[in-house]
Amino acid sequence: PRAAFTLWDGVKPHLRPALLAEMRSFEPAREGAPAAPWAESLAATGGLTSDEVHRRGSLAVVAMLRWLEVARLTRNSRAVAALELEGEVKEVTTRV
């Protein structure tokens, strides 16, 4: 939950080399991936803007937000491409 990560002491234990390895191996466009983690991620970052993070966040936080934005964009692009192949999408606006 987002509330658990409002203080640095709540975040620090999760920033380990294993997290970096997990991020590197993560495949956001994997077919059949569950939707729940994406919904939780969107809810946790709801109302947060890139500008706000760039103004107030550390370099590590900015880098992780960029990674998350690219992962979301990759996932959304794959979903749109799949719908286009099925002929269900003609014009799409992507929300990241």
PDB file of N, CA and C in Angstrom:
ATOM      1  N   PRO A   1       0.818  -1.196   0.000  1.00  0.00           N
ATOM      2  CA  PRO A   1       0.000   0.000   0.000  1.00  0.00           C
ATOM      3  C   PRO A   1       0.864   1.264   0.000  1.00  0.00           C
ATOM      4  N   ARG A   2       0.353   2.293  -0.639  1.00  0.00           N
ATOM      5  CA  ARG A   2       1.089   3.553  -0.775  1.00  0.00           C
ATOM      6  C   ARG A   2       1.457   4.141   0.579  1.00  0.00           C
ATOM      7  N   ALA A   3       0.562   4.044   1.565  1.00  0.00           N
ATOM      8  CA  ALA A   3       0.813   4.626   2.878  1.00  0.00           C
ATOM      9  C   ALA A   3       2.065   4.058   3.531  1.00  0.00           C
ATOM     10  N   ALA A   4       2.398   2.813   3.219  1.00  0.00           N
ATOM     11  CA  ALA A   4       3.579   2.180   3.817  1.00  0.00           C
ATOM     12  C   ALA A   4       4.874   2.764   3.278  1.00  0.00           C
ATOM     13  N   PHE A   5       4.812   3.502   2.166  1.00  0.00           N
ATOM     14  CA  PHE A   5       6.019   4.009   1.534  1.00  0.00           C
ATOM     15  C   PHE A   5       6.119   5.528   1.577  1.00  0.00           C
ATOM     16  N   THR A   6       5.431   6.157   2.509  1.00  0.00           N
ATOM     17  CA  THR A   6       5.487   7.612   2.572  1.00  0.00           C
ATOM     18  C   THR A   6       6.760   8.107   3.251  1.00  0.00           C
ATOM     19  N   LEU A   7       7.387   7.284   4.031  1.00  0.00           N
ATOM     20  CA  LEU A   7       8.629   7.654   4.707  1.00  0.00           C
ATOM     21  C   LEU A   7       9.781   6.821   4.155  1.00  0.00           C
ATOM     22  N   TRP A   8      10.947   7.438   4.088  1.00  0.00           N
ATOM     23  CA  TRP A   8      12.131   6.773   3.567  1.00  0.00           C
ATOM     24  C   TRP A   8      12.396   5.453   4.289  1.00  0.00           C
ATOM     25  N   ASP A   9      12.195   5.417   5.605  1.00  0.00           N
ATOM     26  CA  ASP A   9      12.442   4.187   6.360  1.00  0.00           C
ATOM     27  C   ASP A   9      11.538   3.040   5.896  1.00  0.00           C
ATOM     28  N   GLY A  10      10.387   3.352   5.335  1.00  0.00           N
ATOM     29  CA  GLY A  10       9.506   2.315   4.816  1.00  0.00           C
ATOM     30  C   GLY A  10       9.929   1.812   3.452  1.00  0.00           C
ATOM     31  N   VAL A  11      10.664   2.647   2.718  1.00  0.00           N
ATOM     32  CA  VAL A  11      11.088   2.301   1.360  1.00  0.00           C
ATOM     33  C   VAL A  11      12.441   1.589   1.357  1.00  0.00           C
ATOM     34  N   LYS A  12      13.349   2.080   2.166  1.00  0.00           N
ATOM     35  CA  LYS A  12      14.739   1.609   2.151  1.00  0.00           C
ATOM     36  C   LYS A  12      14.909   0.092   2.205  1.00  0.00           C
ATOM     37  N   PRO A  13      14.167  -0.635   3.029  1.00  0.00           N
ATOM     38  CA  PRO A  13      14.358  -2.092   3.068  1.00  0.00           C
ATOM     39  C   PRO A  13      14.057  -2.800   1.742  1.00  0.00           C
ATOM     40  N   HIS A  14      13.275  -2.149   0.874  1.00  0.00           N
ATOM     41  CA  HIS A  14      12.892  -2.769  -0.395  1.00  0.00           C
ATOM     42  C   HIS A  14      13.898  -2.483  -1.514  1.00  0.00           C
ATOM     43  N   LEU A  15      14.796  -1.554  -1.299  1.00  0.00           N
ATOM     44  CA  LEU A  15      15.773  -1.184  -2.321  1.00  0.00           C
ATOM     45  C   LEU A  15      17.020  -2.040  -2.169  1.00  0.00           C
ATOM     46  N   ARG A  16      16.965  -3.210  -2.717  1.00  0.00           N
ATOM     47  CA  ARG A  16      18.058  -4.177  -2.623  1.00  0.00           C
ATOM     48  C   ARG A  16      18.453  -4.606  -4.028  1.00  0.00           C
ATOM     49  N   PRO A  17      19.644  -5.188  -4.167  1.00  0.00           N
ATOM     50  CA  PRO A  17      20.062  -5.668  -5.493  1.00  0.00           C
ATOM     51  C   PRO A  17      19.054  -6.610  -6.137  1.00  0.00           C
ATOM     52  N   ALA A  18      18.339  -7.375  -5.338  1.00  0.00           N
ATOM     53  CA  ALA A  18      17.335  -8.289  -5.888  1.00  0.00           C
ATOM     54  C   ALA A  18      16.219  -7.521  -6.600  1.00  0.00           C
ATOM     55  N   LEU A  19      15.874  -6.339  -6.091  1.00  0.00           N
ATOM     56  CA  LEU A  19      14.846  -5.525  -6.750  1.00  0.00           C
ATOM     57  C   LEU A  19      15.330  -5.070  -8.120  1.00  0.00           C
ATOM     58  N   LEU A  20      16.574  -4.642  -8.203  1.00  0.00           N
ATOM     59  CA  LEU A  20      17.130  -4.223  -9.489  1.00  0.00           C
ATOM     60  C   LEU A  20      17.136  -5.393 -10.484  1.00  0.00           C
ATOM     61  N   ALA A  21      17.503  -6.564 -10.030  1.00  0.00           N
ATOM     62  CA  ALA A  21      17.489  -7.746 -10.902  1.00  0.00           C
ATOM     63  C   ALA A  21      16.069  -8.063 -11.356  1.00  0.00           C
ATOM     64  N   GLU A  22      15.109  -7.934 -10.443  1.00  0.00           N
ATOM     65  CA  GLU A  22      13.713  -8.192 -10.789  1.00  0.00           C
ATOM     66  C   GLU A  22      13.216  -7.167 -11.823  1.00  0.00           C
ATOM     67  N   MET A  23      13.615  -5.913 -11.656  1.00  0.00           N
ATOM     68  CA  MET A  23      13.222  -4.872 -12.607  1.00  0.00           C
ATOM     69  C   MET A  23      13.828  -5.133 -13.984  1.00  0.00           C
ATOM     70  N   ARG A  24      15.083  -5.566 -14.022  1.00  0.00           N
ATOM     71  CA  ARG A  24      15.736  -5.849 -15.309  1.00  0.00           C
ATOM     72  C   ARG A  24      15.076  -7.017 -16.031  1.00  0.00           C
ATOM     73  N   SER A  25      14.610  -7.997 -15.297  1.00  0.00           N
ATOM     74  CA  SER A  25      14.036  -9.183 -15.930  1.00  0.00           C
ATOM     75  C   SER A  25      12.533  -9.050 -16.190  1.00  0.00           C
ATOM     76  N   PHE A  26      11.932  -7.985 -15.715  1.00  0.00           N
ATOM     77  CA  PHE A  26      10.493  -7.791 -15.865  1.00  0.00           C
ATOM     78  C   PHE A  26      10.121  -7.587 -17.324  1.00  0.00           C
ATOM     79  N   GLU A  27       9.073  -8.256 -17.764  1.00  0.00           N
ATOM     80  CA  GLU A  27       8.596  -8.144 -19.145  1.00  0.00           C
ATOM     81  C   GLU A  27       7.174  -7.603 -19.126  1.00  0.00           C
ATOM     82  N   PRO A  28       7.009  -6.287 -19.284  1.00  0.00           N
ATOM     83  CA  PRO A  28       5.676  -5.695 -19.162  1.00  0.00           C
ATOM     84  C   PRO A  28       4.708  -6.105 -20.265  1.00  0.00           C
ATOM     85  N   ALA A  29       5.192  -6.544 -21.397  1.00  0.00           N
ATOM     86  CA  ALA A  29       4.310  -6.903 -22.513  1.00  0.00           C
ATOM     87  C   ALA A  29       3.999  -8.391 -22.550  1.00  0.00           C
ATOM     88  N   ARG A  30       4.327  -9.109 -21.495  1.00  0.00           N
ATOM     89  CA  ARG A  30       4.087 -10.553 -21.466  1.00  0.00           C
ATOM     90  C   ARG A  30       2.599 -10.845 -21.596  1.00  0.00           C
ATOM     91  N   GLU A  31       2.285 -11.686 -22.546  1.00  0.00           N
ATOM     92  CA  GLU A  31       0.892 -12.056 -22.786  1.00  0.00           C
ATOM     93  C   GLU A  31       0.362 -12.878 -21.621  1.00  0.00           C
ATOM     94  N   GLY A  32      -0.840 -12.567 -21.201  1.00  0.00           N
ATOM     95  CA  GLY A  32      -1.470 -13.325 -20.123  1.00  0.00           C
ATOM     96  C   GLY A  32      -1.074 -12.884 -18.734  1.00  0.00           C
ATOM     97  N   ALA A  33      -0.325 -11.793 -18.612  1.00  0.00           N
ATOM     98  CA  ALA A  33       0.062 -11.301 -17.289  1.00  0.00           C
ATOM     99  C   ALA A  33      -1.185 -10.813 -16.555  1.00  0.00           C
ATOM    100  N   PRO A  34      -1.252 -11.019 -15.251  1.00  0.00           N
ATOM    101  CA  PRO A  34      -2.431 -10.590 -14.506  1.00  0.00           C
ATOM    102  C   PRO A  34      -2.568  -9.058 -14.502  1.00  0.00           C
ATOM    103  N   ALA A  35      -3.789  -8.583 -14.506  1.00  0.00           N
ATOM    104  CA  ALA A  35      -4.058  -7.142 -14.548  1.00  0.00           C
ATOM    105  C   ALA A  35      -3.992  -6.491 -13.163  1.00  0.00           C
ATOM    106  N   ALA A  36      -4.176  -7.273 -12.113  1.00  0.00           N
ATOM    107  CA  ALA A  36      -4.253  -6.710 -10.767  1.00  0.00           C
ATOM    108  C   ALA A  36      -3.021  -5.879 -10.373  1.00  0.00           C
ATOM    109  N   PRO A  37      -1.798  -6.347 -10.605  1.00  0.00           N
ATOM    110  CA  PRO A  37      -0.642  -5.522 -10.217  1.00  0.00           C
ATOM    111  C   PRO A  37      -0.616  -4.173 -10.948  1.00  0.00           C
ATOM    112  N   TRP A  38      -1.093  -4.161 -12.189  1.00  0.00           N
ATOM    113  CA  TRP A  38      -1.123  -2.901 -12.940  1.00  0.00           C
ATOM    114  C   TRP A  38      -2.144  -1.954 -12.342  1.00  0.00           C
ATOM    115  N   ALA A  39      -3.286  -2.469 -11.950  1.00  0.00           N
ATOM    116  CA  ALA A  39      -4.327  -1.637 -11.327  1.00  0.00           C
ATOM    117  C   ALA A  39      -3.829  -1.097  -9.989  1.00  0.00           C
ATOM    118  N   GLU A  40      -3.142  -1.936  -9.208  1.00  0.00           N
ATOM    119  CA  GLU A  40      -2.593  -1.499  -7.925  1.00  0.00           C
ATOM    120  C   GLU A  40      -1.541  -0.415  -8.132  1.00  0.00           C
ATOM    121  N   SER A  41      -0.701  -0.595  -9.140  1.00  0.00           N
ATOM    122  CA  SER A  41       0.332   0.394  -9.446  1.00  0.00           C
ATOM    123  C   SER A  41      -0.286   1.730  -9.823  1.00  0.00           C
ATOM    124  N   LEU A  42      -1.312   1.687 -10.665  1.00  0.00           N
ATOM    125  CA  LEU A  42      -1.984   2.905 -11.093  1.00  0.00           C
ATOM    126  C   LEU A  42      -2.645   3.603  -9.900  1.00  0.00           C
ATOM    127  N   ALA A  43      -3.256   2.829  -9.013  1.00  0.00           N
ATOM    128  CA  ALA A  43      -3.888   3.406  -7.823  1.00  0.00           C
ATOM    129  C   ALA A  43      -2.842   4.018  -6.892  1.00  0.00           C
ATOM    130  N   ALA A  44      -1.703   3.344  -6.752  1.00  0.00           N
ATOM    131  CA  ALA A  44      -0.652   3.834  -5.853  1.00  0.00           C
ATOM    132  C   ALA A  44      -0.015   5.122  -6.339  1.00  0.00           C
ATOM    133  N   THR A  45       0.005   5.324  -7.645  1.00  0.00           N
ATOM    134  CA  THR A  45       0.631   6.526  -8.190  1.00  0.00           C
ATOM    135  C   THR A  45      -0.402   7.541  -8.666  1.00  0.00           C
ATOM    136  N   GLY A  46      -1.660   7.277  -8.395  1.00  0.00           N
ATOM    137  CA  GLY A  46      -2.731   8.179  -8.809  1.00  0.00           C
ATOM    138  C   GLY A  46      -2.530   9.579  -8.254  1.00  0.00           C
ATOM    139  N   GLY A  47      -2.664  10.574  -9.108  1.00  0.00           N
ATOM    140  CA  GLY A  47      -2.508  11.961  -8.696  1.00  0.00           C
ATOM    141  C   GLY A  47      -1.066  12.437  -8.667  1.00  0.00           C
ATOM    142  N   LEU A  48      -0.136  11.531  -8.831  1.00  0.00           N
ATOM    143  CA  LEU A  48       1.281  11.878  -8.833  1.00  0.00           C
ATOM    144  C   LEU A  48       1.704  12.227 -10.251  1.00  0.00           C
ATOM    145  N   THR A  49       2.346  13.368 -10.420  1.00  0.00           N
ATOM    146  CA  THR A  49       2.770  13.771 -11.759  1.00  0.00           C
ATOM    147  C   THR A  49       4.281  13.633 -11.911  1.00  0.00           C
ATOM    148  N   SER A  50       4.720  13.470 -13.142  1.00  0.00           N
ATOM    149  CA  SER A  50       6.161  13.393 -13.413  1.00  0.00           C
ATOM    150  C   SER A  50       6.843  14.673 -12.969  1.00  0.00           C
ATOM    151  N   ASP A  51       6.200  15.814 -13.193  1.00  0.00           N
ATOM    152  CA  ASP A  51       6.785  17.093 -12.790  1.00  0.00           C
ATOM    153  C   ASP A  51       7.015  17.146 -11.286  1.00  0.00           C
ATOM    154  N   GLU A  52       6.039  16.674 -10.527  1.00  0.00           N
ATOM    155  CA  GLU A  52       6.162  16.678  -9.070  1.00  0.00           C
ATOM    156  C   GLU A  52       7.329  15.789  -8.632  1.00  0.00           C
ATOM    157  N   VAL A  53       7.438  14.620  -9.241  1.00  0.00           N
ATOM    158  CA  VAL A  53       8.530  13.703  -8.880  1.00  0.00           C
ATOM    159  C   VAL A  53       9.872  14.316  -9.235  1.00  0.00           C
ATOM    160  N   HIS A  54       9.974  14.949 -10.399  1.00  0.00           N
ATOM    161  CA  HIS A  54      11.234  15.573 -10.808  1.00  0.00           C
ATOM    162  C   HIS A  54      11.618  16.721  -9.878  1.00  0.00           C
ATOM    163  N   ARG A  55      10.628  17.450  -9.373  1.00  0.00           N
ATOM    164  CA  ARG A  55      10.917  18.560  -8.459  1.00  0.00           C
ATOM    165  C   ARG A  55      11.324  18.078  -7.073  1.00  0.00           C
ATOM    166  N   ARG A  56      10.635  17.056  -6.574  1.00  0.00           N
ATOM    167  CA  ARG A  56      10.800  16.673  -5.174  1.00  0.00           C
ATOM    168  C   ARG A  56      11.526  15.356  -4.961  1.00  0.00           C
ATOM    169  N   GLY A  57      11.637  14.541  -5.992  1.00  0.00           N
ATOM    170  CA  GLY A  57      12.186  13.206  -5.816  1.00  0.00           C
ATOM    171  C   GLY A  57      13.700  13.145  -5.968  1.00  0.00           C
ATOM    172  N   SER A  58      14.263  12.124  -5.384  1.00  0.00           N
ATOM    173  CA  SER A  58      15.692  11.876  -5.543  1.00  0.00           C
ATOM    174  C   SER A  58      15.940  11.300  -6.931  1.00  0.00           C
ATOM    175  N   LEU A  59      17.186  11.210  -7.325  1.00  0.00           N
ATOM    176  CA  LEU A  59      17.540  10.630  -8.621  1.00  0.00           C
ATOM    177  C   LEU A  59      17.029   9.193  -8.727  1.00  0.00           C
ATOM    178  N   ALA A  60      17.124   8.444  -7.637  1.00  0.00           N
ATOM    179  CA  ALA A  60      16.648   7.056  -7.642  1.00  0.00           C
ATOM    180  C   ALA A  60      15.138   6.994  -7.866  1.00  0.00           C
ATOM    181  N   VAL A  61      14.400   7.876  -7.236  1.00  0.00           N
ATOM    182  CA  VAL A  61      12.948   7.892  -7.386  1.00  0.00           C
ATOM    183  C   VAL A  61      12.572   8.298  -8.805  1.00  0.00           C
ATOM    184  N   VAL A  62      13.250   9.288  -9.353  1.00  0.00           N
ATOM    185  CA  VAL A  62      12.996   9.720 -10.731  1.00  0.00           C
ATOM    186  C   VAL A  62      13.269   8.568 -11.697  1.00  0.00           C
ATOM    187  N   ALA A  63      14.374   7.857 -11.489  1.00  0.00           N
ATOM    188  CA  ALA A  63      14.724   6.734 -12.365  1.00  0.00           C
ATOM    189  C   ALA A  63      13.672   5.632 -12.282  1.00  0.00           C
ATOM    190  N   MET A  64      13.186   5.334 -11.082  1.00  0.00           N
ATOM    191  CA  MET A  64      12.175   4.287 -10.934  1.00  0.00           C
ATOM    192  C   MET A  64      10.851   4.710 -11.559  1.00  0.00           C
ATOM    193  N   LEU A  65      10.505   5.989 -11.460  1.00  0.00           N
ATOM    194  CA  LEU A  65       9.285   6.458 -12.110  1.00  0.00           C
ATOM    195  C   LEU A  65       9.411   6.342 -13.626  1.00  0.00           C
ATOM    196  N   ARG A  66      10.562   6.697 -14.157  1.00  0.00           N
ATOM    197  CA  ARG A  66      10.770   6.557 -15.610  1.00  0.00           C
ATOM    198  C   ARG A  66      10.621   5.092 -16.028  1.00  0.00           C
ATOM    199  N   TRP A  67      11.205   4.198 -15.242  1.00  0.00           N
ATOM    200  CA  TRP A  67      11.088   2.764 -15.532  1.00  0.00           C
ATOM    201  C   TRP A  67       9.614   2.358 -15.537  1.00  0.00           C
ATOM    202  N   LEU A  68       8.860   2.811 -14.537  1.00  0.00           N
ATOM    203  CA  LEU A  68       7.445   2.467 -14.444  1.00  0.00           C
ATOM    204  C   LEU A  68       6.670   3.030 -15.633  1.00  0.00           C
ATOM    205  N   GLU A  69       6.958   4.260 -16.021  1.00  0.00           N
ATOM    206  CA  GLU A  69       6.271   4.864 -17.164  1.00  0.00           C
ATOM    207  C   GLU A  69       6.553   4.093 -18.457  1.00  0.00           C
ATOM    208  N   VAL A  70       7.800   3.687 -18.641  1.00  0.00           N
ATOM    209  CA  VAL A  70       8.150   2.906 -19.837  1.00  0.00           C
ATOM    210  C   VAL A  70       7.471   1.535 -19.790  1.00  0.00           C
ATOM    211  N   ALA A  71       7.421   0.914 -18.636  1.00  0.00           N
ATOM    212  CA  ALA A  71       6.755  -0.387 -18.505  1.00  0.00           C
ATOM    213  C   ALA A  71       5.273  -0.261 -18.837  1.00  0.00           C
ATOM    214  N   ARG A  72       4.637   0.785 -18.333  1.00  0.00           N
ATOM    215  CA  ARG A  72       3.216   0.987 -18.619  1.00  0.00           C
ATOM    216  C   ARG A  72       2.991   1.247 -20.108  1.00  0.00           C
ATOM    217  N   LEU A  73       3.830   2.078 -20.692  1.00  0.00           N
ATOM    218  CA  LEU A  73       3.697   2.383 -22.112  1.00  0.00           C
ATOM    219  C   LEU A  73       3.902   1.128 -22.962  1.00  0.00           C
ATOM    220  N   THR A  74       4.879   0.314 -22.608  1.00  0.00           N
ATOM    221  CA  THR A  74       5.142  -0.934 -23.332  1.00  0.00           C
ATOM    222  C   THR A  74       3.941  -1.865 -23.244  1.00  0.00           C
ATOM    223  N   ARG A  75       3.391  -2.006 -22.049  1.00  0.00           N
ATOM    224  CA  ARG A  75       2.217  -2.870 -21.859  1.00  0.00           C
ATOM    225  C   ARG A  75       1.029  -2.357 -22.665  1.00  0.00           C
ATOM    226  N   ASN A  76       0.779  -1.046 -22.577  1.00  0.00           N
ATOM    227  CA  ASN A  76      -0.351  -0.463 -23.310  1.00  0.00           C
ATOM    228  C   ASN A  76      -0.159  -0.597 -24.823  1.00  0.00           C
ATOM    229  N   SER A  77       1.057  -0.392 -25.299  1.00  0.00           N
ATOM    230  CA  SER A  77       1.336  -0.494 -26.736  1.00  0.00           C
ATOM    231  C   SER A  77       1.101  -1.912 -27.231  1.00  0.00           C
ATOM    232  N   ARG A  78       1.492  -2.892 -26.444  1.00  0.00           N
ATOM    233  CA  ARG A  78       1.268  -4.286 -26.814  1.00  0.00           C
ATOM    234  C   ARG A  78      -0.222  -4.590 -26.881  1.00  0.00           C
ATOM    235  N   ALA A  79      -0.985  -4.076 -25.914  1.00  0.00           N
ATOM    236  CA  ALA A  79      -2.429  -4.314 -25.900  1.00  0.00           C
ATOM    237  C   ALA A  79      -3.095  -3.663 -27.112  1.00  0.00           C
ATOM    238  N   VAL A  80      -2.683  -2.454 -27.447  1.00  0.00           N
ATOM    239  CA  VAL A  80      -3.249  -1.760 -28.606  1.00  0.00           C
ATOM    240  C   VAL A  80      -2.897  -2.515 -29.886  1.00  0.00           C
ATOM    241  N   ALA A  81      -1.654  -2.952 -30.009  1.00  0.00           N
ATOM    242  CA  ALA A  81      -1.235  -3.696 -31.201  1.00  0.00           C
ATOM    243  C   ALA A  81      -2.052  -4.981 -31.350  1.00  0.00           C
ATOM    244  N   ALA A  82      -2.315  -5.653 -30.256  1.00  0.00           N
ATOM    245  CA  ALA A  82      -3.110  -6.883 -30.310  1.00  0.00           C
ATOM    246  C   ALA A  82      -4.529  -6.578 -30.773  1.00  0.00           C
ATOM    247  N   LEU A  83      -5.114  -5.489 -30.283  1.00  0.00           N
ATOM    248  CA  LEU A  83      -6.462  -5.113 -30.704  1.00  0.00           C
ATOM    249  C   LEU A  83      -6.488  -4.695 -32.172  1.00  0.00           C
ATOM    250  N   GLU A  84      -5.436  -4.002 -32.604  1.00  0.00           N
ATOM    251  CA  GLU A  84      -5.359  -3.600 -34.011  1.00  0.00           C
ATOM    252  C   GLU A  84      -5.297  -4.823 -34.921  1.00  0.00           C
ATOM    253  N   LEU A  85      -4.566  -5.838 -34.501  1.00  0.00           N
ATOM    254  CA  LEU A  85      -4.485  -7.066 -35.285  1.00  0.00           C
ATOM    255  C   LEU A  85      -5.848  -7.732 -35.407  1.00  0.00           C
ATOM    256  N   GLU A  86      -6.652  -7.573 -34.355  1.00  0.00           N
ATOM    257  CA  GLU A  86      -7.995  -8.156 -34.373  1.00  0.00           C
ATOM    258  C   GLU A  86      -8.990  -7.236 -35.079  1.00  0.00           C
ATOM    259  N   GLY A  87      -8.527  -6.056 -35.503  1.00  0.00           N
ATOM    260  CA  GLY A  87      -9.392  -5.120 -36.204  1.00  0.00           C
ATOM    261  C   GLY A  87     -10.345  -4.362 -35.309  1.00  0.00           C
ATOM    262  N   GLU A  88     -10.061  -4.328 -33.993  1.00  0.00           N
ATOM    263  CA  GLU A  88     -10.969  -3.686 -33.052  1.00  0.00           C
ATOM    264  C   GLU A  88     -10.600  -2.239 -32.746  1.00  0.00           C
ATOM    265  N   VAL A  89      -9.424  -1.791 -33.171  1.00  0.00           N
ATOM    266  CA  VAL A  89      -8.984  -0.429 -32.852  1.00  0.00           C
ATOM    267  C   VAL A  89      -8.596   0.288 -34.124  1.00  0.00           C
ATOM    268  N   LYS A  90      -9.132   1.484 -34.274  1.00  0.00           N
ATOM    269  CA  LYS A  90      -8.750   2.298 -35.418  1.00  0.00           C
ATOM    270  C   LYS A  90      -7.902   3.485 -34.964  1.00  0.00           C
ATOM    271  N   GLU A  91      -8.277   4.090 -33.841  1.00  0.00           N
ATOM    272  CA  GLU A  91      -7.539   5.229 -33.307  1.00  0.00           C
ATOM    273  C   GLU A  91      -7.556   5.110 -31.789  1.00  0.00           C
ATOM    274  N   VAL A  92      -6.396   5.273 -31.172  1.00  0.00           N
ATOM    275  CA  VAL A  92      -6.295   5.064 -29.723  1.00  0.00           C
ATOM    276  C   VAL A  92      -5.483   6.190 -29.101  1.00  0.00           C
ATOM    277  N   THR A  93      -5.925   6.624 -27.937  1.00  0.00           N
ATOM    278  CA  THR A  93      -5.140   7.537 -27.127  1.00  0.00           C
ATOM    279  C   THR A  93      -4.611   6.717 -25.961  1.00  0.00           C
ATOM    280  N   THR A  94      -3.299   6.684 -25.771  1.00  0.00           N
ATOM    281  CA  THR A  94      -2.691   5.889 -24.716  1.00  0.00           C
ATOM    282  C   THR A  94      -2.569   6.713 -23.458  1.00  0.00           C
ATOM    283  N   ARG A  95      -2.974   6.166 -22.334  1.00  0.00           N
ATOM    284  CA  ARG A  95      -2.833   6.816 -21.033  1.00  0.00           C
ATOM    285  C   ARG A  95      -1.746   6.110 -20.267  1.00  0.00           C
ATOM    286  N   VAL A  96      -0.739   6.854 -19.856  1.00  0.00           N
ATOM    287  CA  VAL A  96       0.370   6.268 -19.101  1.00  0.00           C
ATOM    288  C   VAL A  96       0.274   6.693 -17.672  1.00  0.00           C
TER     289      VAL A  96
END
